[in-house]
Amino acid sequence: MKLSESFFYTLREDVKNEDCVSSNLLVKSGMVKKVSSGIYMYMPLGLKVLNNIEQIIREEMNEAGALELSMPCLIPSEVYEQSGRKENFGNSMFTLKDRNDREYVLGPTHEELFVNAASSMIKSYKDMPFNIYQMANKYRDEARPRYGLIRVREFIMKDAYTFDKDEKGLDNSYRKMYNTYRRIFDRCGVKYKIVEADTGVMGGLLSEEFQAIADIGEDTIVYCDNCGYAANNEIFDVIPVFEKVPVSEKEKKLVYTPNTGSIKALVEFGYDINKLTKTMIYKNEREEFYACVIPATREINDYKLRRTTNSLDINLASPEEVKEITGADIGFVGPYNLNIPIIVDKEVVLMKDFLVGANKNDYHYENFNVGDIWPGYKVADIKFAVEKDHCPECQHEIEIAKSIEIGNIFKLGSKYCEALGLKYLDQNNQEQYPLMGCYGIGVERVLASLVEQNNDEKGIIFPLSVAPYKVAIVLIDKNDRLQNEVAQDLYNELMKKGIDTLLDDRDERPGVKFNDMDLIGIPIRVTVGKKVYNDLVELKRREKHTSEDIDVNNIYKEIKAIMDL
């Protein structure tokens, strides 16, 4: 591409309405442009990067034996009613009606349609296994779109589905996709970890996520550098560890603790924070209330709490509801003499002689123990992990990092085939349900993650594999005959040899050109200036601070060596 003949622009200032590094740089570099909250258009440069990522995905999926198809985005709403998922998606679905008042949705996901497609072929066990996939737009009415391309209302996803006759076949398909995903993300150049995950709204037997490490990530992952174990913090099973646990227990005592309705106030009152607990009242979608007791230094994990209470949704009760249940204000609630179920975190069970609220304003119980809980309680791990918790595999201290989910693989089992009535005849002529695997990649999330992980004060630093152009030739003086000839000849040579090259032949100052090439993240820059009179051009790699002079006759060899690394 020659910039003098192209649609190309960059912004000089940071973008005020973008809330993370990647979205600011992608807008500033002219790769994307915001249309509305959570909706972006792709400009030529950004689309080239996106296409490069999609090409890597297609190559690896095709190599794994998957076949691409295309599903509609406009879907009759009864498709999701039949599978029982319309209610689960709730307000996140975009809905509309046609002229005949028939209701449609803009597809948030396509499991049901893939089952529909598979039903055209599956009649016998001999018709499996197979793997079909698409690269398609999805639509979800996010309540709060944010972080640029990370949480949007319209997004591109690669979703694939395998169909197998038995668990052995599903295991093989799942493992093949697991390895395929590793190759995809390795080729893209993204830094990631593979973690155990919750099956969530998708349901199924097993889920693993591919998480890109990034400070703006909406997920939190727990991992062990010693043995390689990793999991999403949503499901990480925290193992309580105490060096010494007292055997004897003191007798509980009601104490007057005025103006101590917070952990901070109790510490200031003189209590050791390691002897404090907090009891919080939660309510689920069935209007059921639960009292949850955890150490004061921890936070409730609502994902675990939903699983423990078999709830679809669970949130803190209102102050009015708390007072009606306990007789006390928030801050003085405790697990004694309550008429709602009580859930005690595993770590609290090992604590001795701790402090709890007395369900009476300005009062607490000292020397409280789990045996004092009345009328009874359930024990569960209901808290988030923190650094220095122990790995469940090797007992080493764990690490915690923010991350972006860029891929997810599921063993769905027979859930959707059962819901939609897809069966096959096995070797004994008996009807069975096929077993499905589901494998998704958020294409735009890969792009955003790469920018989050690869940038500096000058702009984006794209890996060669996904960069919009591999080489940028900067022509210093387009009016200088020799400089112009060398730049044009080099551009033509690289393009003929299959190296996607950009020629900056604009009538701009050199500093503007250098800044633009750094901003858009081209991996290799060749500067053609006055040194061509000595048969030299300047070669600089984007991630390095220094450049070197190269004989103009050897420049292709040098570029090829960099690309082959």
Protein backbone atom coordinates (compact mmCIF):
# COMPACT_ATOMS: atom_id res chain seq x y z
CA MET A 1 0.00 0.00 0.00
CA LYS A 2 1.25 3.46 -0.93
CA LEU A 3 0.04 5.97 1.64
CA SER A 4 -0.10 8.83 -0.86
CA GLU A 5 -2.88 6.94 -2.67
CA SER A 6 -4.67 5.43 0.33
CA PHE A 7 -7.30 6.01 2.99
CA PHE A 8 -5.03 6.54 5.97
CA TYR A 9 -5.21 8.75 9.04
CA THR A 10 -4.03 8.87 12.65
CA LEU A 11 -4.97 11.05 15.61
CA ARG A 12 -2.38 13.16 17.39
CA GLU A 13 -4.05 13.23 20.83
CA ASP A 14 -5.29 10.49 23.12
CA VAL A 15 -8.98 9.65 22.82
CA LYS A 16 -11.00 10.97 25.75
CA ASN A 17 -13.93 8.54 25.68
CA GLU A 18 -11.90 5.31 25.56
CA ASP A 19 -11.22 3.61 28.88
CA CYS A 20 -8.19 1.39 28.24
CA VAL A 21 -4.85 1.35 26.43
CA SER A 22 -5.94 -0.93 23.59
CA SER A 23 -9.10 0.99 22.68
CA ASN A 24 -7.25 4.32 22.85
CA LEU A 25 -4.44 3.08 20.60
CA LEU A 26 -6.74 1.34 18.12
CA VAL A 27 -8.84 4.48 17.70
CA LYS A 28 -5.82 6.79 17.71
CA SER A 29 -4.07 4.71 15.05
CA GLY A 30 -7.10 4.89 12.77
CA MET A 31 -7.82 1.14 12.99
CA VAL A 32 -11.26 1.36 14.55
CA LYS A 33 -13.83 4.09 15.06
CA LYS A 34 -16.59 4.11 17.66
CA VAL A 35 -20.11 4.34 16.26
CA SER A 36 -21.93 4.11 19.57
CA SER A 37 -21.40 2.62 23.02
CA GLY A 38 -20.13 -0.93 22.43
CA ILE A 39 -20.27 -0.64 18.61
CA TYR A 40 -17.20 -0.09 16.43
CA MET A 41 -16.43 0.07 12.73
CA TYR A 42 -13.18 -1.31 11.33
CA MET A 43 -11.08 0.94 9.14
CA PRO A 44 -8.78 -0.56 6.46
CA LEU A 45 -5.75 -1.02 8.75
CA GLY A 46 -7.77 -2.51 11.59
CA LEU A 47 -9.60 -4.83 9.23
CA LYS A 48 -6.29 -6.12 7.86
CA VAL A 49 -5.17 -7.05 11.38
CA LEU A 50 -8.53 -8.70 12.07
CA ASN A 51 -8.33 -10.60 8.78
CA ASN A 52 -4.82 -11.80 9.64
CA ILE A 53 -6.07 -13.18 12.96
CA GLU A 54 -9.03 -14.83 11.25
CA GLN A 55 -6.72 -16.35 8.63
CA ILE A 56 -4.59 -17.98 11.33
CA ILE A 57 -7.75 -19.34 12.95
CA ARG A 58 -9.07 -20.69 9.64
CA GLU A 59 -5.77 -22.33 8.72
CA GLU A 60 -5.53 -24.16 12.04
CA MET A 61 -9.21 -25.12 12.15
CA ASN A 62 -9.08 -26.46 8.61
CA GLU A 63 -5.87 -28.35 9.40
CA ALA A 64 -7.73 -29.97 12.31
CA GLY A 65 -10.41 -31.21 9.91
CA ALA A 66 -13.13 -28.68 10.72
CA LEU A 67 -15.40 -27.41 7.94
CA GLU A 68 -16.57 -23.80 7.78
CA LEU A 69 -20.19 -22.80 7.25
CA SER A 70 -22.25 -19.66 7.80
CA MET A 71 -25.21 -19.24 10.14
CA PRO A 72 -27.79 -16.43 10.04
CA CYS A 73 -27.66 -13.65 12.63
CA LEU A 74 -31.46 -13.18 12.52
CA ILE A 75 -33.00 -16.12 14.36
CA PRO A 76 -36.61 -16.97 15.34
CA SER A 77 -36.89 -16.59 19.12
CA GLU A 78 -38.62 -19.97 19.48
CA VAL A 79 -35.27 -21.60 18.72
CA TYR A 80 -34.03 -20.48 22.15
CA GLU A 81 -37.38 -21.22 23.79
CA GLN A 82 -37.14 -24.81 22.63
CA SER A 83 -33.72 -25.26 24.27
CA GLY A 84 -34.85 -23.45 27.42
CA ARG A 85 -32.23 -20.72 27.13
CA LYS A 86 -34.28 -17.65 26.26
CA GLU A 87 -34.96 -16.95 29.92
CA ASN A 88 -31.28 -17.44 30.80
CA PHE A 89 -30.18 -14.78 28.33
CA GLY A 90 -32.89 -12.41 29.52
CA ASN A 91 -32.39 -8.76 28.60
CA SER A 92 -29.04 -9.41 26.95
CA MET A 93 -30.86 -10.56 23.79
CA PHE A 94 -31.70 -8.05 21.08
CA THR A 95 -35.30 -8.79 20.02
CA LEU A 96 -37.40 -7.52 17.11
CA LYS A 97 -40.55 -8.44 15.21
CA ASP A 98 -41.22 -8.81 11.51
CA ARG A 99 -44.25 -7.46 9.64
CA ASN A 100 -46.24 -10.53 10.66
CA ASP A 101 -45.55 -9.86 14.35
CA ARG A 102 -43.27 -12.88 14.60
CA GLU A 103 -40.47 -12.42 17.15
CA TYR A 104 -36.81 -12.74 16.20
CA VAL A 105 -33.51 -12.24 18.01
CA LEU A 106 -30.08 -11.19 16.87
CA GLY A 107 -28.10 -14.33 17.64
CA PRO A 108 -26.09 -14.15 20.89
CA THR A 109 -24.82 -17.68 20.28
CA HIS A 110 -25.61 -20.53 17.86
CA GLU A 111 -25.62 -23.91 19.62
CA GLU A 112 -29.24 -24.54 18.69
CA LEU A 113 -28.68 -23.81 15.00
CA PHE A 114 -25.64 -26.06 14.86
CA VAL A 115 -27.75 -28.89 16.27
CA ASN A 116 -30.30 -28.08 13.58
CA ALA A 117 -27.59 -28.27 10.91
CA ALA A 118 -26.20 -31.52 12.30
CA SER A 119 -29.65 -33.11 12.24
CA SER A 120 -29.54 -33.02 8.44
CA MET A 121 -26.74 -35.59 8.52
CA ILE A 122 -26.85 -37.53 11.78
CA LYS A 123 -28.96 -40.64 11.55
CA SER A 124 -26.52 -43.37 12.51
CA TYR A 125 -23.37 -43.76 14.62
CA LYS A 126 -21.53 -44.03 11.30
CA ASP A 127 -22.29 -40.35 10.59
CA MET A 128 -19.90 -39.15 13.30
CA PRO A 129 -17.49 -37.66 14.24
CA PHE A 130 -17.38 -34.30 12.47
CA ASN A 131 -16.48 -30.70 13.28
CA ILE A 132 -18.21 -27.62 11.81
CA TYR A 133 -17.50 -23.96 12.54
CA GLN A 134 -18.23 -20.39 11.55
CA MET A 135 -16.74 -16.90 11.87
CA ALA A 136 -19.76 -14.74 12.60
CA ASN A 137 -21.10 -11.62 14.29
CA LYS A 138 -22.88 -12.08 17.63
CA TYR A 139 -25.10 -9.61 19.43
CA ARG A 140 -25.60 -9.05 23.14
CA ASP A 141 -27.21 -6.03 24.74
CA GLU A 142 -24.51 -5.40 27.31
CA ALA A 143 -25.71 -3.25 30.20
CA ARG A 144 -22.34 -1.52 30.41
CA PRO A 145 -20.08 -1.90 27.37
CA ARG A 146 -16.49 -1.04 28.27
CA TYR A 147 -12.80 -1.55 27.59
CA GLY A 148 -13.11 -0.93 23.87
CA LEU A 149 -13.35 -4.26 22.03
CA ILE A 150 -13.40 -6.32 25.23
CA ARG A 151 -17.08 -5.89 26.13
CA VAL A 152 -19.19 -4.78 23.18
CA ARG A 153 -22.70 -5.21 21.82
CA GLU A 154 -21.66 -6.57 18.43
CA PHE A 155 -18.64 -8.83 18.16
CA ILE A 156 -17.03 -11.46 15.95
CA MET A 157 -16.70 -14.99 17.27
CA LYS A 158 -15.31 -18.14 15.82
CA ASP A 159 -17.48 -20.92 17.18
CA ALA A 160 -17.01 -24.59 16.37
CA TYR A 161 -18.99 -27.68 17.35
CA THR A 162 -18.00 -31.31 17.31
CA PHE A 163 -20.48 -34.21 17.26
CA ASP A 164 -19.46 -37.64 18.53
CA LYS A 165 -21.21 -40.94 19.21
CA ASP A 166 -19.60 -41.61 22.62
CA GLU A 167 -17.43 -40.15 25.39
CA LYS A 168 -14.22 -41.55 23.92
CA GLY A 169 -14.92 -39.75 20.67
CA LEU A 170 -15.77 -36.52 22.54
CA ASP A 171 -12.52 -36.79 24.48
CA ASN A 172 -10.56 -37.11 21.23
CA SER A 173 -12.36 -34.16 19.61
CA TYR A 174 -11.91 -32.02 22.69
CA ARG A 175 -8.19 -32.78 22.92
CA LYS A 176 -7.71 -32.02 19.23
CA MET A 177 -9.38 -28.62 19.64
CA TYR A 178 -7.39 -27.95 22.81
CA ASN A 179 -4.14 -28.38 20.87
CA THR A 180 -5.52 -26.45 17.89
CA TYR A 181 -6.30 -23.49 20.13
CA ARG A 182 -2.78 -23.55 21.54
CA ARG A 183 -1.37 -23.35 18.02
CA ILE A 184 -3.74 -20.51 17.11
CA PHE A 185 -2.83 -18.35 20.08
CA ASP A 186 0.87 -19.19 19.81
CA ARG A 187 0.87 -18.10 16.16
CA CYS A 188 -1.00 -14.90 17.00
CA GLY A 189 1.68 -14.07 19.56
CA VAL A 190 -0.65 -13.60 22.51
CA LYS A 191 0.54 -14.44 26.03
CA TYR A 192 -2.07 -16.66 27.67
CA LYS A 193 -2.81 -19.30 30.28
CA ILE A 194 -5.27 -22.19 30.08
CA VAL A 195 -7.50 -22.39 33.14
CA GLU A 196 -10.31 -24.51 34.49
CA ALA A 197 -13.61 -22.66 34.29
CA ASP A 198 -17.29 -22.68 35.18
CA THR A 199 -19.61 -24.04 32.47
CA GLY A 200 -22.00 -21.13 33.14
CA VAL A 201 -24.97 -20.49 30.86
CA MET A 202 -23.51 -22.91 28.30
CA GLY A 203 -23.87 -25.85 30.65
CA GLY A 204 -22.12 -29.14 30.04
CA LEU A 205 -19.49 -31.41 31.55
CA LEU A 206 -16.20 -29.50 31.39
CA SER A 207 -14.96 -26.05 30.48
CA GLU A 208 -11.49 -24.58 30.04
CA GLU A 209 -10.66 -20.98 29.18
CA PHE A 210 -7.75 -19.45 27.30
CA GLN A 211 -7.00 -16.28 29.24
CA ALA A 212 -4.74 -13.47 27.99
CA ILE A 213 -2.89 -11.78 30.83
CA ALA A 214 -3.84 -8.09 30.93
CA ASP A 215 -4.39 -5.48 33.64
CA ILE A 216 -7.81 -4.48 32.25
CA GLY A 217 -9.06 -8.05 32.23
CA GLU A 218 -12.53 -8.62 33.63
CA ASP A 219 -11.58 -12.10 34.79
CA THR A 220 -9.18 -13.04 37.56
CA ILE A 221 -7.11 -16.19 37.21
CA VAL A 222 -5.23 -18.17 39.80
CA TYR A 223 -2.10 -20.00 38.72
CA CYS A 224 0.89 -21.81 40.12
CA ASP A 225 4.33 -21.15 38.69
CA ASN A 226 5.64 -24.29 40.37
CA CYS A 227 3.44 -26.96 38.75
CA GLY A 228 1.53 -25.08 36.05
CA TYR A 229 -1.94 -25.46 37.58
CA ALA A 230 -4.36 -22.66 36.65
CA ALA A 231 -8.04 -21.89 37.19
CA ASN A 232 -10.49 -19.06 36.97
CA ASN A 233 -10.86 -17.50 40.41
CA GLU A 234 -14.61 -18.08 40.06
CA ILE A 235 -14.15 -21.82 40.63
CA PHE A 236 -10.76 -22.09 42.38
CA ASP A 237 -11.17 -24.24 45.47
CA VAL A 238 -9.42 -22.38 48.29
CA ILE A 239 -7.63 -24.70 50.69
CA PRO A 240 -7.63 -23.29 54.26
CA VAL A 241 -4.17 -23.41 55.80
CA PHE A 242 -3.43 -22.76 59.48
CA GLU A 243 -0.08 -23.32 61.14
CA LYS A 244 -1.58 -23.88 64.60
CA VAL A 245 -5.21 -24.41 65.48
CA PRO A 246 -6.12 -24.11 69.20
CA VAL A 247 -7.92 -27.17 70.51
CA SER A 248 -9.84 -25.52 73.35
CA GLU A 249 -12.66 -23.07 72.78
CA LYS A 250 -13.73 -20.24 75.05
CA GLU A 251 -17.32 -19.45 75.92
CA LYS A 252 -19.01 -16.83 73.76
CA LYS A 253 -19.61 -13.45 75.38
CA LEU A 254 -21.92 -10.61 74.37
CA VAL A 255 -19.99 -7.33 74.32
CA TYR A 256 -20.97 -3.70 73.80
CA THR A 257 -19.24 -2.34 70.67
CA PRO A 258 -20.73 1.08 69.86
CA ASN A 259 -20.27 2.62 66.41
CA THR A 260 -18.49 -0.45 64.98
CA GLY A 261 -20.58 -1.24 61.93
CA SER A 262 -17.56 -1.96 59.71
CA ILE A 263 -14.42 -4.07 59.79
CA LYS A 264 -12.31 -0.91 59.84
CA ALA A 265 -14.20 0.41 62.87
CA LEU A 266 -13.76 -2.92 64.72
CA VAL A 267 -10.00 -2.86 64.08
CA GLU A 268 -9.84 0.71 65.34
CA PHE A 269 -11.84 -0.44 68.38
CA GLY A 270 -8.96 -2.80 69.17
CA TYR A 271 -9.80 -6.16 67.61
CA ASP A 272 -7.30 -8.27 65.65
CA ILE A 273 -8.53 -8.44 62.04
CA ASN A 274 -7.56 -12.11 61.89
CA LYS A 275 -10.13 -12.78 64.62
CA LEU A 276 -12.95 -11.03 62.76
CA THR A 277 -15.62 -12.49 60.51
CA LYS A 278 -18.38 -10.88 58.50
CA THR A 279 -21.88 -12.21 57.96
CA MET A 280 -23.73 -11.03 54.86
CA ILE A 281 -27.29 -11.72 53.80
CA TYR A 282 -27.90 -12.70 50.16
CA LYS A 283 -31.13 -13.21 48.18
CA ASN A 284 -31.58 -15.29 45.02
CA GLU A 285 -34.11 -15.19 42.19
CA ARG A 286 -36.45 -17.44 44.18
CA GLU A 287 -36.63 -14.84 46.99
CA GLU A 288 -34.64 -17.21 49.23
CA PHE A 289 -32.28 -15.64 51.76
CA TYR A 290 -28.93 -16.97 52.96
CA ALA A 291 -26.55 -15.81 55.69
CA CYS A 292 -22.95 -16.21 54.53
CA VAL A 293 -20.05 -16.18 57.00
CA ILE A 294 -16.47 -15.57 55.83
CA PRO A 295 -13.23 -14.22 57.36
CA ALA A 296 -13.13 -10.42 57.50
CA THR A 297 -10.11 -10.34 55.19
CA ARG A 298 -11.93 -12.18 52.40
CA GLU A 299 -14.57 -11.43 49.78
CA ILE A 300 -17.64 -13.49 48.88
CA ASN A 301 -17.38 -15.31 45.54
CA ASP A 302 -20.89 -14.97 44.11
CA TYR A 303 -20.16 -17.62 41.45
CA LYS A 304 -19.46 -20.21 44.14
CA LEU A 305 -22.41 -18.95 46.16
CA ARG A 306 -24.75 -19.43 43.19
CA ARG A 307 -23.47 -22.98 42.78
CA THR A 308 -23.76 -23.72 46.51
CA THR A 309 -27.35 -22.44 46.66
CA ASN A 310 -28.35 -23.78 43.22
CA SER A 311 -29.26 -20.25 42.13
CA LEU A 312 -29.26 -18.57 38.73
CA ASP A 313 -28.75 -15.14 40.27
CA ILE A 314 -27.84 -14.03 43.78
CA ASN A 315 -27.22 -10.59 45.24
CA LEU A 316 -26.86 -8.82 48.56
CA ALA A 317 -30.13 -8.24 50.35
CA SER A 318 -31.23 -4.66 50.87
CA PRO A 319 -30.61 -2.92 54.23
CA GLU A 320 -34.35 -3.07 54.90
CA GLU A 321 -34.47 -6.81 54.22
CA VAL A 322 -31.41 -7.39 56.41
CA LYS A 323 -33.01 -5.55 59.34
CA GLU A 324 -36.29 -7.42 58.93
CA ILE A 325 -34.47 -10.79 59.02
CA THR A 326 -31.90 -10.08 61.74
CA GLY A 327 -33.29 -7.17 63.75
CA ALA A 328 -30.02 -5.31 63.23
CA ASP A 329 -28.38 -2.98 60.75
CA ILE A 330 -25.76 -4.18 58.30
CA GLY A 331 -22.48 -4.39 60.21
CA PHE A 332 -23.95 -6.04 63.29
CA VAL A 333 -25.30 -9.20 61.61
CA GLY A 334 -24.11 -12.58 62.86
CA PRO A 335 -24.86 -16.31 62.39
CA TYR A 336 -26.62 -16.84 65.72
CA ASN A 337 -30.35 -17.43 66.09
CA LEU A 338 -31.33 -16.79 62.46
CA ASN A 339 -34.34 -18.32 60.73
CA ILE A 340 -32.66 -18.53 57.31
CA PRO A 341 -30.05 -21.01 56.00
CA ILE A 342 -26.51 -20.27 57.14
CA ILE A 343 -23.48 -21.01 54.94
CA VAL A 344 -20.09 -20.99 56.66
CA ASP A 345 -16.89 -20.76 54.65
CA LYS A 346 -14.41 -23.62 55.11
CA GLU A 347 -11.81 -21.29 56.57
CA VAL A 348 -14.17 -20.07 59.32
CA VAL A 349 -14.69 -23.68 60.41
CA LEU A 350 -11.00 -23.80 61.37
CA MET A 351 -11.06 -20.49 63.22
CA LYS A 352 -11.38 -20.40 67.01
CA ASP A 353 -12.72 -17.75 69.37
CA PHE A 354 -13.58 -15.19 66.73
CA LEU A 355 -15.89 -12.17 66.67
CA VAL A 356 -19.35 -12.09 65.06
CA GLY A 357 -22.24 -9.66 65.00
CA ALA A 358 -24.90 -10.24 67.65
CA ASN A 359 -27.88 -9.27 65.46
CA LYS A 360 -28.31 -6.29 67.74
CA ASN A 361 -27.03 -2.82 66.93
CA ASP A 362 -23.79 -1.90 68.74
CA TYR A 363 -23.24 -5.46 70.02
CA HIS A 364 -21.01 -8.38 69.01
CA TYR A 365 -20.16 -11.82 70.36
CA GLU A 366 -16.53 -12.43 71.38
CA ASN A 367 -15.03 -15.94 71.57
CA PHE A 368 -17.57 -17.26 69.09
CA ASN A 369 -17.04 -20.70 67.47
CA VAL A 370 -18.87 -22.60 64.75
CA GLY A 371 -20.35 -24.85 67.41
CA ASP A 372 -22.22 -21.80 68.69
CA ILE A 373 -24.08 -21.34 65.42
CA TRP A 374 -27.74 -22.04 65.91
CA PRO A 375 -29.87 -23.71 64.59
CA GLY A 376 -27.36 -25.17 62.10
CA TYR A 377 -25.18 -24.44 59.11
CA LYS A 378 -23.74 -25.70 55.85
CA VAL A 379 -20.00 -25.64 55.11
CA ALA A 380 -18.75 -24.57 51.66
CA ASP A 381 -15.92 -22.71 49.98
CA ILE A 382 -17.64 -19.40 49.14
CA LYS A 383 -14.73 -16.95 48.90
CA PHE A 384 -12.32 -15.67 46.27
CA ALA A 385 -8.70 -16.74 46.41
CA VAL A 386 -5.94 -14.30 47.33
CA GLU A 387 -2.18 -14.45 46.81
CA LYS A 388 -0.42 -16.79 49.20
CA ASP A 389 -3.30 -19.26 49.13
CA HIS A 390 -2.02 -22.72 48.26
CA CYS A 391 -2.12 -24.62 44.99
CA PRO A 392 -4.41 -27.67 45.24
CA GLU A 393 -1.96 -29.73 43.16
CA CYS A 394 1.43 -29.05 44.78
CA GLN A 395 0.64 -26.83 47.84
CA HIS A 396 2.91 -24.07 46.48
CA GLU A 397 1.76 -20.48 46.95
CA ILE A 398 -0.41 -19.30 44.06
CA GLU A 399 -0.23 -16.17 41.91
CA ILE A 400 -3.21 -14.08 40.85
CA ALA A 401 -3.57 -11.99 37.69
CA LYS A 402 -6.22 -10.08 35.77
CA SER A 403 -6.98 -11.55 32.37
CA ILE A 404 -9.14 -11.38 29.25
CA GLU A 405 -11.01 -14.49 28.13
CA ILE A 406 -10.08 -14.96 24.47
CA GLY A 407 -11.14 -18.55 24.00
CA ASN A 408 -13.29 -21.15 25.70
CA ILE A 409 -13.76 -24.85 25.09
CA PHE A 410 -16.62 -26.94 26.48
CA LYS A 411 -17.65 -30.54 26.68
CA LEU A 412 -21.35 -29.91 26.28
CA GLY A 413 -22.36 -33.56 26.36
CA SER A 414 -25.89 -34.35 25.20
CA LYS A 415 -27.59 -31.26 26.71
CA TYR A 416 -28.58 -29.53 23.47
CA CYS A 417 -29.25 -32.67 21.50
CA GLU A 418 -31.68 -33.80 24.19
CA ALA A 419 -33.39 -30.40 24.32
CA LEU A 420 -33.82 -30.34 20.56
CA GLY A 421 -34.56 -34.03 20.02
CA LEU A 422 -31.50 -35.02 17.94
CA LYS A 423 -30.87 -38.77 18.17
CA TYR A 424 -28.99 -41.46 16.27
CA LEU A 425 -29.10 -45.26 16.07
CA ASP A 426 -26.11 -46.99 17.67
CA GLN A 427 -24.49 -50.32 16.73
CA ASN A 428 -27.31 -52.16 18.53
CA ASN A 429 -30.00 -50.20 16.71
CA GLN A 430 -30.81 -48.30 19.91
CA GLU A 431 -31.52 -44.56 19.96
CA GLN A 432 -28.84 -42.41 21.57
CA TYR A 433 -28.05 -38.70 21.82
CA PRO A 434 -24.88 -37.37 20.14
CA LEU A 435 -22.29 -35.76 22.41
CA MET A 436 -21.27 -32.22 21.53
CA GLY A 437 -18.16 -30.14 22.09
CA CYS A 438 -18.19 -26.35 21.76
CA TYR A 439 -15.15 -24.21 21.00
CA GLY A 440 -15.22 -20.40 20.81
CA ILE A 441 -12.71 -17.64 20.13
CA GLY A 442 -13.43 -13.94 20.56
CA VAL A 443 -11.59 -12.66 17.49
CA GLU A 444 -11.69 -8.99 18.49
CA ARG A 445 -10.65 -9.87 22.02
CA VAL A 446 -7.51 -11.45 20.58
CA LEU A 447 -6.80 -8.16 18.79
CA ALA A 448 -7.42 -6.09 21.93
CA SER A 449 -5.31 -8.45 24.06
CA LEU A 450 -2.39 -8.22 21.65
CA VAL A 451 -2.47 -4.42 21.85
CA GLU A 452 -2.78 -4.48 25.65
CA GLN A 453 0.25 -6.77 25.87
CA ASN A 454 2.35 -5.15 23.13
CA ASN A 455 2.65 -1.37 23.32
CA ASP A 456 4.90 1.44 24.50
CA GLU A 457 4.76 5.23 24.75
CA LYS A 458 4.91 5.48 20.94
CA GLY A 459 2.05 3.13 20.12
CA ILE A 460 1.30 -0.48 19.18
CA ILE A 461 3.96 -3.18 18.70
CA PHE A 462 2.27 -5.84 16.57
CA PRO A 463 3.73 -9.35 16.23
CA LEU A 464 4.72 -10.11 12.65
CA SER A 465 2.03 -12.76 12.31
CA VAL A 466 -0.89 -10.34 12.65
CA ALA A 467 0.56 -6.92 11.75
CA PRO A 468 -1.35 -5.07 9.00
CA TYR A 469 1.92 -4.76 7.06
CA LYS A 470 5.18 -6.53 7.82
CA VAL A 471 7.43 -3.74 6.50
CA ALA A 472 7.07 0.02 6.33
CA ILE A 473 9.31 1.88 3.90
CA VAL A 474 9.65 5.52 4.89
CA LEU A 475 10.69 7.76 1.99
CA ILE A 476 12.30 10.85 3.48
CA ASP A 477 12.30 13.12 0.39
CA LYS A 478 9.92 12.10 -2.39
CA ASN A 479 11.37 14.88 -4.59
CA ASP A 480 14.83 13.35 -4.47
CA ARG A 481 15.14 11.20 -7.61
CA LEU A 482 17.47 8.53 -6.18
CA GLN A 483 15.62 8.21 -2.86
CA ASN A 484 12.34 7.86 -4.73
CA GLU A 485 13.75 5.23 -7.13
CA VAL A 486 15.28 3.15 -4.32
CA ALA A 487 12.10 3.29 -2.24
CA GLN A 488 9.86 2.36 -5.19
CA ASP A 489 12.18 -0.47 -6.31
CA LEU A 490 12.40 -1.89 -2.80
CA TYR A 491 8.62 -1.67 -2.38
CA ASN A 492 8.02 -3.51 -5.67
CA GLU A 493 10.61 -6.17 -4.83
CA LEU A 494 9.15 -6.93 -1.40
CA MET A 495 5.60 -7.05 -2.71
CA LYS A 496 6.59 -9.42 -5.54
CA LYS A 497 8.20 -11.72 -2.98
CA GLY A 498 5.02 -11.88 -0.94
CA ILE A 499 5.99 -9.52 1.88
CA ASP A 500 3.08 -7.21 2.66
CA THR A 501 4.68 -3.77 2.57
CA LEU A 502 3.58 -0.21 3.19
CA LEU A 503 5.30 2.69 1.43
CA ASP A 504 5.03 6.02 3.21
CA ASP A 505 5.51 8.37 0.27
CA ARG A 506 3.41 11.19 1.70
CA ASP A 507 4.53 14.79 1.55
CA GLU A 508 5.07 14.94 5.31
CA ARG A 509 7.96 15.69 7.66
CA PRO A 510 10.09 12.64 8.59
CA GLY A 511 9.08 12.92 12.26
CA VAL A 512 5.40 12.64 11.37
CA LYS A 513 6.07 9.54 9.28
CA PHE A 514 8.18 7.87 11.96
CA ASN A 515 5.56 8.59 14.63
CA ASP A 516 2.77 7.19 12.48
CA MET A 517 4.67 4.00 11.68
CA ASP A 518 5.43 3.50 15.38
CA LEU A 519 1.82 4.21 16.33
CA ILE A 520 0.33 1.64 13.93
CA GLY A 521 2.87 -0.97 15.04
CA ILE A 522 4.58 -2.05 11.80
CA PRO A 523 7.26 -4.60 12.89
CA ILE A 524 10.03 -3.60 10.44
CA ARG A 525 10.83 -0.07 9.24
CA VAL A 526 13.18 0.74 6.39
CA THR A 527 14.14 4.40 6.03
CA VAL A 528 15.28 5.59 2.61
CA GLY A 529 17.11 8.91 2.96
CA LYS A 530 20.33 10.63 1.98
CA LYS A 531 22.41 7.57 2.85
CA VAL A 532 21.22 5.93 -0.39
CA TYR A 533 24.00 7.89 -2.10
CA ASN A 534 26.31 5.57 -0.15
CA ASP A 535 24.13 2.53 -1.03
CA LEU A 536 22.75 2.42 2.53
CA VAL A 537 19.27 2.36 4.05
CA GLU A 538 18.29 2.31 7.70
CA LEU A 539 16.65 -0.80 9.21
CA LYS A 540 14.79 -0.66 12.51
CA ARG A 541 12.65 -3.21 14.31
CA ARG A 542 9.62 -1.76 16.10
CA GLU A 543 10.39 -3.30 19.49
CA LYS A 544 14.00 -2.05 19.51
CA HIS A 545 15.31 1.42 20.28
CA THR A 546 18.24 1.40 17.85
CA SER A 547 18.54 1.09 14.08
CA GLU A 548 21.32 -0.09 11.80
CA ASP A 549 22.57 0.84 8.35
CA ILE A 550 22.22 -1.93 5.76
CA ASP A 551 23.57 -2.14 2.25
CA VAL A 552 20.60 -1.56 -0.04
CA ASN A 553 21.47 -4.73 -1.96
CA ASN A 554 21.22 -6.84 1.21
CA ILE A 555 18.01 -5.39 2.63
CA TYR A 556 15.72 -8.19 1.44
CA LYS A 557 18.05 -10.78 2.96
CA GLU A 558 18.00 -8.93 6.31
CA ILE A 559 14.21 -8.61 6.29
CA LYS A 560 13.77 -12.26 5.41
CA ALA A 561 16.08 -13.28 8.27
CA ILE A 562 13.95 -11.27 10.74
CA MET A 563 10.74 -12.81 9.44
CA ASP A 564 12.14 -16.33 9.67
CA LEU A 565 13.07 -15.98 13.35
